[in-house]
Amino acid sequence: MIDYLLDPNNWTGSGGIPVLVGQHLIYTAVALVIAGAIGVPAGLYVGHTGRGVVVIAGFANALRALPTLGLIVLLVMIVAPLIASDLAFVIPSIIVLVLLAIPPIMTNTYAGIRAVDAAAVDAAVGMGYRPLRVLFSVQVPCALPLIISGFRGATLQVISTATIAAYVSLGGLGRLIIDGRAQNDYDKMLVGALLVAILALVVDLLLALAARVFVSPGLDRRTSRIPLRVRRSAVAAS
């Protein structure tokens, strides 16, 4: 495995490791953007209005039960006769990854909105906030830690599952695993699996850092930015 990683030939060309990592990240990013565009609005609507809870729960459970490998083969068989290009393989792969990413994003968004303190919502309503302003000024900022957690979970699942794109002749790090299996090259397979794991951990770390930037310190119980002297004065005054 170390010899494979140290071989310069494996880091250059269209089948080199950097190219495969880039392809893997593209599949992941496209799937997450589409899943977010579907899952976040659905979660916001159900969480804010309380309507459709049973539907969203059933839909999420149904998507989690889908067999990804069988589904991608089925979709390729349906789409391939209609499209005479690589899109016949790209579209089914993205669809499968999107379906995999929607449940954690949608359910965490819903759960985050529903978990917002009712007193904060009532206070906003009492100040004359309209429903949409309550949602985006109060509920979404408070729910942001859970929403980002949903994206983190979806990202880990998509990165690990995007290897199936290689099963239908596409690129990505799954190419190392599929080709290694066909060639009985277990070092190549191990490198592919290791790189997928490392990529997932790195991306998850970046999302965790993003959460620290965008989430209010008061929501994740970080140290208050208010100087100690000011806090003591406020306590004494109360």
Foldseek 3Di string as FASTA:
>chain_A
DVVCVPDVVQCDDCNHPVNQAVVLVVLLVLLLVVLLVPQQVLLLVCLLPVPCPVVLVVLLVVLCPDDLLVQLVVQLVVQVVVDPDCCSLSVSLSVNLNSLLNNLLNVLNNVQLNPFDVVQLVVCVVVVDDSVCSSVVGRCLLSVVSNLVSSLVSSLVSLVPSLSSVVVPDGHLVVQLVVCVVVVNVVSNVVSVVVSVVVSVVVSVVSVVVCVVRHDCVNVVHDDPPDPVVVVVVVVVD
